[in-house]
Amino acid sequence: MSRQRSRARSLAIQALYQWQMAGQDISAIINHFMIEQDAKKFDTDYFAELVRSVPTRLAELDAALAPCVDRSLEAVDPVERAILRLGAYELLEHPEIPYRVVINEAVELAKTFGAEKGHRYVNGVLDKAARSLRPMEAASRR
């Protein structure tokens, strides 16, 4: 199941990047990915949740990330921005996923899709975000 969820995150980052850059309709993007990808290889429900929820919760996610970044979110690399938003969403909405798993998945996505050292930036920002979004869990793991 976790491999299918990782694949769902990977596809969600590609879909969110497409949405950020082209401004296409979210439902159209989701449908495109569902048709183009093998549904047996990823968690389709989780993929759809991520791609639908991140854009609709953008203001909240960006507000949660703003104190953790060293520049405006719009100035962050678009791929890394999509990864950070997805990570913030998971930190907020999926407490059943340990925050270290959320961060690790985001770092792996940044290594795959981001700039050369982008994974370090993603790691630092989401680590700070986890401290404010999940203070009890973060404190107990330090």
N, C-alpha and C. Protein backbone atom coordinates (compact mmCIF):
# COMPACT_ATOMS: atom_id res chain seq x y z
N MET A 1 0.81 -1.20 0.00
CA MET A 1 0.00 0.00 0.00
C MET A 1 0.86 1.26 0.00
N SER A 2 1.96 1.26 0.78
CA SER A 2 2.77 2.47 0.86
C SER A 2 3.44 2.80 -0.48
N ARG A 3 3.78 1.79 -1.25
CA ARG A 3 4.36 2.04 -2.57
C ARG A 3 3.32 2.71 -3.48
N GLN A 4 2.07 2.25 -3.37
CA GLN A 4 1.00 2.86 -4.17
C GLN A 4 0.74 4.29 -3.72
N ARG A 5 0.89 4.55 -2.43
CA ARG A 5 0.69 5.90 -1.93
C ARG A 5 1.85 6.80 -2.36
N SER A 6 3.06 6.28 -2.34
CA SER A 6 4.21 7.06 -2.82
C SER A 6 4.03 7.42 -4.29
N ARG A 7 3.57 6.45 -5.06
CA ARG A 7 3.32 6.71 -6.49
C ARG A 7 2.21 7.75 -6.65
N ALA A 8 1.18 7.69 -5.81
CA ALA A 8 0.10 8.68 -5.86
C ALA A 8 0.65 10.08 -5.59
N ARG A 9 1.56 10.20 -4.61
CA ARG A 9 2.19 11.49 -4.32
C ARG A 9 3.00 11.98 -5.52
N SER A 10 3.75 11.08 -6.12
CA SER A 10 4.57 11.44 -7.27
C SER A 10 3.71 11.97 -8.42
N LEU A 11 2.63 11.29 -8.70
CA LEU A 11 1.73 11.74 -9.76
C LEU A 11 1.02 13.04 -9.36
N ALA A 12 0.69 13.16 -8.07
CA ALA A 12 0.03 14.38 -7.60
C ALA A 12 0.94 15.59 -7.77
N ILE A 13 2.23 15.42 -7.53
CA ILE A 13 3.17 16.54 -7.72
C ILE A 13 3.19 16.95 -9.19
N GLN A 14 3.21 15.97 -10.07
CA GLN A 14 3.19 16.30 -11.50
C GLN A 14 1.89 17.02 -11.88
N ALA A 15 0.77 16.55 -11.34
CA ALA A 15 -0.52 17.17 -11.63
C ALA A 15 -0.60 18.58 -11.05
N LEU A 16 -0.12 18.76 -9.82
CA LEU A 16 -0.15 20.09 -9.20
C LEU A 16 0.78 21.06 -9.92
N TYR A 17 1.92 20.56 -10.36
CA TYR A 17 2.84 21.40 -11.14
C TYR A 17 2.13 21.86 -12.42
N GLN A 18 1.48 20.93 -13.09
CA GLN A 18 0.74 21.25 -14.31
C GLN A 18 -0.33 22.31 -14.02
N TRP A 19 -1.04 22.14 -12.92
CA TRP A 19 -2.07 23.11 -12.53
C TRP A 19 -1.46 24.48 -12.26
N GLN A 20 -0.35 24.51 -11.51
CA GLN A 20 0.32 25.77 -11.19
C GLN A 20 0.78 26.49 -12.45
N MET A 21 1.34 25.74 -13.38
CA MET A 21 1.97 26.35 -14.56
C MET A 21 0.96 26.70 -15.65
N ALA A 22 -0.03 25.83 -15.86
CA ALA A 22 -0.96 26.03 -16.98
C ALA A 22 -2.34 26.52 -16.54
N GLY A 23 -2.62 26.40 -15.25
CA GLY A 23 -3.91 26.84 -14.74
C GLY A 23 -5.09 26.04 -15.28
N GLN A 24 -4.81 24.81 -15.68
CA GLN A 24 -5.89 23.96 -16.20
C GLN A 24 -6.87 23.58 -15.11
N ASP A 25 -8.06 23.18 -15.52
CA ASP A 25 -9.09 22.72 -14.61
C ASP A 25 -8.60 21.46 -13.88
N ILE A 26 -8.76 21.47 -12.55
CA ILE A 26 -8.28 20.36 -11.73
C ILE A 26 -8.93 19.03 -12.14
N SER A 27 -10.23 19.04 -12.37
CA SER A 27 -10.92 17.79 -12.75
C SER A 27 -10.37 17.25 -14.06
N ALA A 28 -10.08 18.13 -15.00
CA ALA A 28 -9.51 17.70 -16.29
C ALA A 28 -8.13 17.08 -16.10
N ILE A 29 -7.33 17.69 -15.23
CA ILE A 29 -5.99 17.15 -14.95
C ILE A 29 -6.10 15.77 -14.31
N ILE A 30 -6.98 15.64 -13.32
CA ILE A 30 -7.16 14.35 -12.65
C ILE A 30 -7.61 13.30 -13.66
N ASN A 31 -8.59 13.63 -14.48
CA ASN A 31 -9.07 12.68 -15.49
C ASN A 31 -7.96 12.26 -16.44
N HIS A 32 -7.14 13.21 -16.85
CA HIS A 32 -6.02 12.91 -17.75
C HIS A 32 -5.08 11.89 -17.11
N PHE A 33 -4.71 12.13 -15.85
CA PHE A 33 -3.80 11.21 -15.17
C PHE A 33 -4.43 9.84 -14.96
N MET A 34 -5.72 9.81 -14.66
CA MET A 34 -6.41 8.53 -14.46
C MET A 34 -6.44 7.71 -15.75
N ILE A 35 -6.55 8.37 -16.88
CA ILE A 35 -6.57 7.69 -18.17
C ILE A 35 -5.16 7.25 -18.57
N GLU A 36 -4.18 8.14 -18.36
CA GLU A 36 -2.81 7.89 -18.82
C GLU A 36 -2.01 6.91 -17.96
N GLN A 37 -2.36 6.81 -16.68
CA GLN A 37 -1.57 5.99 -15.76
C GLN A 37 -2.29 4.67 -15.45
N ASP A 38 -1.52 3.69 -15.08
CA ASP A 38 -2.08 2.39 -14.70
C ASP A 38 -2.63 2.49 -13.28
N ALA A 39 -3.94 2.46 -13.15
CA ALA A 39 -4.61 2.66 -11.86
C ALA A 39 -4.24 1.59 -10.83
N LYS A 40 -3.73 0.47 -11.28
CA LYS A 40 -3.34 -0.59 -10.34
C LYS A 40 -2.03 -0.26 -9.63
N LYS A 41 -1.29 0.71 -10.18
CA LYS A 41 0.03 1.01 -9.64
C LYS A 41 0.06 2.20 -8.67
N PHE A 42 -1.09 2.82 -8.43
CA PHE A 42 -1.11 3.92 -7.46
C PHE A 42 -2.46 4.00 -6.78
N ASP A 43 -2.47 4.64 -5.63
CA ASP A 43 -3.69 4.83 -4.83
C ASP A 43 -4.48 5.97 -5.48
N THR A 44 -5.44 5.60 -6.31
CA THR A 44 -6.18 6.61 -7.09
C THR A 44 -6.99 7.55 -6.21
N ASP A 45 -7.57 7.03 -5.14
CA ASP A 45 -8.35 7.89 -4.24
C ASP A 45 -7.46 8.93 -3.57
N TYR A 46 -6.28 8.49 -3.12
CA TYR A 46 -5.37 9.42 -2.45
C TYR A 46 -4.85 10.46 -3.45
N PHE A 47 -4.50 10.02 -4.64
CA PHE A 47 -4.08 10.94 -5.70
C PHE A 47 -5.14 12.02 -5.93
N ALA A 48 -6.38 11.60 -6.12
CA ALA A 48 -7.46 12.55 -6.38
C ALA A 48 -7.67 13.50 -5.20
N GLU A 49 -7.58 12.95 -3.98
CA GLU A 49 -7.72 13.81 -2.79
C GLU A 49 -6.65 14.90 -2.78
N LEU A 50 -5.41 14.51 -2.99
CA LEU A 50 -4.31 15.48 -2.96
C LEU A 50 -4.47 16.55 -4.03
N VAL A 51 -4.78 16.12 -5.24
CA VAL A 51 -4.85 17.07 -6.36
C VAL A 51 -6.06 18.00 -6.22
N ARG A 52 -7.14 17.50 -5.64
CA ARG A 52 -8.32 18.37 -5.43
C ARG A 52 -8.12 19.30 -4.24
N SER A 53 -7.54 18.78 -3.17
CA SER A 53 -7.49 19.51 -1.90
C SER A 53 -6.44 20.60 -1.85
N VAL A 54 -5.27 20.35 -2.40
CA VAL A 54 -4.21 21.36 -2.32
C VAL A 54 -4.66 22.69 -2.94
N PRO A 55 -5.20 22.71 -4.16
CA PRO A 55 -5.63 24.00 -4.72
C PRO A 55 -6.77 24.66 -3.95
N THR A 56 -7.69 23.86 -3.41
CA THR A 56 -8.82 24.46 -2.70
C THR A 56 -8.41 24.98 -1.32
N ARG A 57 -7.31 24.50 -0.78
CA ARG A 57 -6.84 24.93 0.54
C ARG A 57 -5.58 25.78 0.44
N LEU A 58 -5.33 26.34 -0.75
CA LEU A 58 -4.09 27.06 -1.02
C LEU A 58 -3.78 28.14 0.00
N ALA A 59 -4.74 29.00 0.31
CA ALA A 59 -4.49 30.11 1.24
C ALA A 59 -4.05 29.57 2.61
N GLU A 60 -4.74 28.54 3.08
CA GLU A 60 -4.40 27.95 4.38
C GLU A 60 -3.01 27.30 4.36
N LEU A 61 -2.72 26.56 3.30
CA LEU A 61 -1.42 25.89 3.18
C LEU A 61 -0.29 26.91 3.08
N ASP A 62 -0.50 27.92 2.24
CA ASP A 62 0.54 28.95 2.08
C ASP A 62 0.76 29.71 3.39
N ALA A 63 -0.31 29.96 4.13
CA ALA A 63 -0.18 30.64 5.43
C ALA A 63 0.60 29.78 6.42
N ALA A 64 0.39 28.47 6.37
CA ALA A 64 1.13 27.56 7.26
C ALA A 64 2.61 27.49 6.88
N LEU A 65 2.90 27.62 5.60
CA LEU A 65 4.29 27.53 5.12
C LEU A 65 5.04 28.86 5.22
N ALA A 66 4.33 29.97 5.13
CA ALA A 66 4.96 31.30 5.05
C ALA A 66 6.01 31.55 6.14
N PRO A 67 5.74 31.25 7.42
CA PRO A 67 6.77 31.52 8.44
C PRO A 67 7.98 30.59 8.32
N CYS A 68 7.89 29.57 7.51
CA CYS A 68 8.95 28.56 7.42
C CYS A 68 9.86 28.77 6.22
N VAL A 69 9.48 29.65 5.30
CA VAL A 69 10.28 29.87 4.10
C VAL A 69 11.05 31.19 4.21
N ASP A 70 12.15 31.27 3.48
CA ASP A 70 13.01 32.45 3.54
C ASP A 70 12.72 33.47 2.44
N ARG A 71 11.63 33.27 1.73
CA ARG A 71 11.22 34.17 0.64
C ARG A 71 9.72 33.97 0.44
N SER A 72 9.13 34.72 -0.46
CA SER A 72 7.70 34.50 -0.72
C SER A 72 7.54 33.13 -1.38
N LEU A 73 6.42 32.51 -1.15
CA LEU A 73 6.19 31.20 -1.76
C LEU A 73 6.20 31.29 -3.28
N GLU A 74 5.77 32.40 -3.82
CA GLU A 74 5.78 32.56 -5.27
C GLU A 74 7.20 32.58 -5.83
N ALA A 75 8.17 32.93 -4.99
CA ALA A 75 9.57 32.96 -5.42
C ALA A 75 10.26 31.60 -5.30
N VAL A 76 9.60 30.66 -4.64
CA VAL A 76 10.15 29.30 -4.51
C VAL A 76 9.98 28.59 -5.85
N ASP A 77 10.96 27.77 -6.20
CA ASP A 77 10.89 26.97 -7.43
C ASP A 77 9.52 26.30 -7.51
N PRO A 78 8.87 26.34 -8.69
CA PRO A 78 7.50 25.80 -8.81
C PRO A 78 7.35 24.33 -8.40
N VAL A 79 8.35 23.52 -8.70
CA VAL A 79 8.27 22.10 -8.31
C VAL A 79 8.35 21.99 -6.79
N GLU A 80 9.29 22.69 -6.21
CA GLU A 80 9.44 22.65 -4.75
C GLU A 80 8.22 23.26 -4.06
N ARG A 81 7.65 24.29 -4.65
CA ARG A 81 6.44 24.91 -4.09
C ARG A 81 5.30 23.87 -4.06
N ALA A 82 5.12 23.11 -5.13
CA ALA A 82 4.09 22.08 -5.17
C ALA A 82 4.36 21.02 -4.11
N ILE A 83 5.61 20.62 -3.95
CA ILE A 83 5.98 19.61 -2.95
C ILE A 83 5.72 20.14 -1.54
N LEU A 84 6.08 21.39 -1.28
CA LEU A 84 5.85 21.97 0.05
C LEU A 84 4.36 22.05 0.37
N ARG A 85 3.57 22.44 -0.62
CA ARG A 85 2.12 22.53 -0.39
C ARG A 85 1.52 21.16 -0.12
N LEU A 86 1.96 20.16 -0.87
CA LEU A 86 1.47 18.80 -0.64
C LEU A 86 1.89 18.33 0.75
N GLY A 87 3.13 18.58 1.12
CA GLY A 87 3.61 18.20 2.45
C GLY A 87 2.83 18.89 3.56
N ALA A 88 2.57 20.17 3.40
CA ALA A 88 1.79 20.90 4.41
C ALA A 88 0.38 20.33 4.51
N TYR A 89 -0.21 20.00 3.38
CA TYR A 89 -1.55 19.40 3.39
C TYR A 89 -1.53 18.09 4.18
N GLU A 90 -0.55 17.24 3.92
CA GLU A 90 -0.48 15.96 4.63
C GLU A 90 -0.25 16.17 6.13
N LEU A 91 0.59 17.14 6.48
CA LEU A 91 0.82 17.42 7.90
C LEU A 91 -0.48 17.86 8.59
N LEU A 92 -1.27 18.66 7.89
CA LEU A 92 -2.51 19.16 8.47
C LEU A 92 -3.63 18.12 8.49
N GLU A 93 -3.79 17.40 7.41
CA GLU A 93 -4.98 16.56 7.22
C GLU A 93 -4.78 15.06 7.44
N HIS A 94 -3.55 14.63 7.59
CA HIS A 94 -3.31 13.18 7.74
C HIS A 94 -2.43 12.89 8.95
N PRO A 95 -2.97 13.12 10.14
CA PRO A 95 -2.18 12.87 11.36
C PRO A 95 -1.80 11.40 11.53
N GLU A 96 -2.49 10.51 10.81
CA GLU A 96 -2.13 9.09 10.90
C GLU A 96 -0.80 8.79 10.20
N ILE A 97 -0.35 9.71 9.37
CA ILE A 97 0.96 9.56 8.72
C ILE A 97 1.98 10.29 9.58
N PRO A 98 2.96 9.58 10.14
CA PRO A 98 3.96 10.26 10.98
C PRO A 98 4.62 11.41 10.20
N TYR A 99 4.89 12.51 10.92
CA TYR A 99 5.44 13.68 10.23
C TYR A 99 6.77 13.36 9.56
N ARG A 100 7.55 12.47 10.13
CA ARG A 100 8.83 12.11 9.50
C ARG A 100 8.61 11.40 8.16
N VAL A 101 7.53 10.65 8.05
CA VAL A 101 7.20 10.00 6.77
C VAL A 101 6.79 11.06 5.74
N VAL A 102 5.98 12.02 6.17
CA VAL A 102 5.58 13.12 5.28
C VAL A 102 6.83 13.83 4.75
N ILE A 103 7.74 14.17 5.66
CA ILE A 103 8.96 14.89 5.26
C ILE A 103 9.82 14.03 4.34
N ASN A 104 10.01 12.75 4.70
CA ASN A 104 10.83 11.86 3.88
C ASN A 104 10.26 11.70 2.47
N GLU A 105 8.95 11.54 2.37
CA GLU A 105 8.31 11.41 1.05
C GLU A 105 8.54 12.69 0.24
N ALA A 106 8.39 13.84 0.88
CA ALA A 106 8.59 15.12 0.19
C ALA A 106 10.04 15.28 -0.27
N VAL A 107 10.97 14.88 0.57
CA VAL A 107 12.40 14.96 0.21
C VAL A 107 12.68 14.06 -1.00
N GLU A 108 12.11 12.86 -1.00
CA GLU A 108 12.31 11.96 -2.15
C GLU A 108 11.71 12.55 -3.43
N LEU A 109 10.55 13.20 -3.32
CA LEU A 109 9.96 13.85 -4.48
C LEU A 109 10.85 14.99 -4.98
N ALA A 110 11.43 15.73 -4.04
CA ALA A 110 12.32 16.84 -4.42
C ALA A 110 13.59 16.31 -5.09
N LYS A 111 14.08 15.17 -4.63
CA LYS A 111 15.26 14.57 -5.26
C LYS A 111 14.93 14.15 -6.69
N THR A 112 13.72 13.66 -6.89
CA THR A 112 13.31 13.18 -8.22
C THR A 112 12.99 14.33 -9.17
N PHE A 113 12.21 15.31 -8.69
CA PHE A 113 11.67 16.34 -9.58
C PHE A 113 12.27 17.73 -9.39
N GLY A 114 12.88 17.98 -8.25
CA GLY A 114 13.32 19.33 -7.92
C GLY A 114 14.71 19.68 -8.43
N ALA A 115 15.14 20.86 -8.06
CA ALA A 115 16.49 21.34 -8.41
C ALA A 115 17.53 20.51 -7.64
N GLU A 116 18.79 20.71 -8.00
CA GLU A 116 19.86 19.86 -7.48
C GLU A 116 19.88 19.76 -5.96
N LYS A 117 19.78 20.88 -5.26
CA LYS A 117 19.80 20.84 -3.79
C LYS A 117 18.44 21.17 -3.20
N GLY A 118 17.42 21.09 -4.01
CA GLY A 118 16.07 21.43 -3.57
C GLY A 118 15.56 20.56 -2.44
N HIS A 119 16.03 19.31 -2.39
CA HIS A 119 15.57 18.41 -1.33
C HIS A 119 15.98 18.91 0.06
N ARG A 120 17.13 19.58 0.14
CA ARG A 120 17.56 20.13 1.44
C ARG A 120 16.62 21.25 1.88
N TYR A 121 16.23 22.08 0.92
CA TYR A 121 15.32 23.19 1.22
C TYR A 121 13.97 22.63 1.68
N VAL A 122 13.44 21.67 0.93
CA VAL A 122 12.16 21.05 1.27
C VAL A 122 12.23 20.44 2.66
N ASN A 123 13.32 19.75 2.97
CA ASN A 123 13.49 19.13 4.28
C ASN A 123 13.45 20.18 5.39
N GLY A 124 14.19 21.26 5.22
CA GLY A 124 14.24 22.30 6.24
C GLY A 124 12.90 22.99 6.45
N VAL A 125 12.23 23.32 5.37
CA VAL A 125 10.94 24.02 5.47
C VAL A 125 9.89 23.12 6.12
N LEU A 126 9.79 21.88 5.68
CA LEU A 126 8.77 21.00 6.25
C LEU A 126 9.10 20.59 7.68
N ASP A 127 10.37 20.52 8.03
CA ASP A 127 10.73 20.25 9.42
C ASP A 127 10.24 21.39 10.31
N LYS A 128 10.45 22.63 9.88
CA LYS A 128 9.94 23.79 10.64
C LYS A 128 8.42 23.76 10.68
N ALA A 129 7.79 23.47 9.56
CA ALA A 129 6.33 23.43 9.49
C ALA A 129 5.78 22.36 10.43
N ALA A 130 6.43 21.21 10.49
CA ALA A 130 5.97 20.12 11.36
C ALA A 130 6.00 20.56 12.83
N ARG A 131 6.99 21.35 13.21
CA ARG A 131 7.08 21.82 14.59
C ARG A 131 5.89 22.69 14.97
N SER A 132 5.40 23.48 14.00
CA SER A 132 4.25 24.33 14.33
C SER A 132 2.91 23.64 14.06
N LEU A 133 2.85 22.76 13.06
CA LEU A 133 1.59 22.10 12.72
C LEU A 133 1.32 20.86 13.57
N ARG A 134 2.38 20.22 14.03
CA ARG A 134 2.25 19.03 14.88
C ARG A 134 3.21 19.14 16.07
N PRO A 135 3.00 20.14 16.91
CA PRO A 135 3.98 20.39 17.98
C PRO A 135 4.19 19.23 18.94
N MET A 136 3.11 18.53 19.30
CA MET A 136 3.24 17.41 20.24
C MET A 136 4.06 16.28 19.65
N GLU A 137 3.75 15.92 18.42
CA GLU A 137 4.47 14.82 17.75
C GLU A 137 5.93 15.20 17.53
N ALA A 138 6.17 16.42 17.05
CA ALA A 138 7.54 16.86 16.79
C ALA A 138 8.36 16.91 18.07
N ALA A 139 7.76 17.39 19.15
CA ALA A 139 8.48 17.48 20.43
C ALA A 139 8.81 16.10 20.98
N SER A 140 7.91 15.14 20.79
CA SER A 140 8.15 13.79 21.33
C SER A 140 9.20 13.03 20.54
N ARG A 141 9.51 13.49 19.34
CA ARG A 141 10.48 12.78 18.48
C ARG A 141 11.87 13.39 18.53
N ARG A 142 12.05 14.47 19.22
CA ARG A 142 13.34 15.16 19.22
C ARG A 142 14.28 14.56 20.26
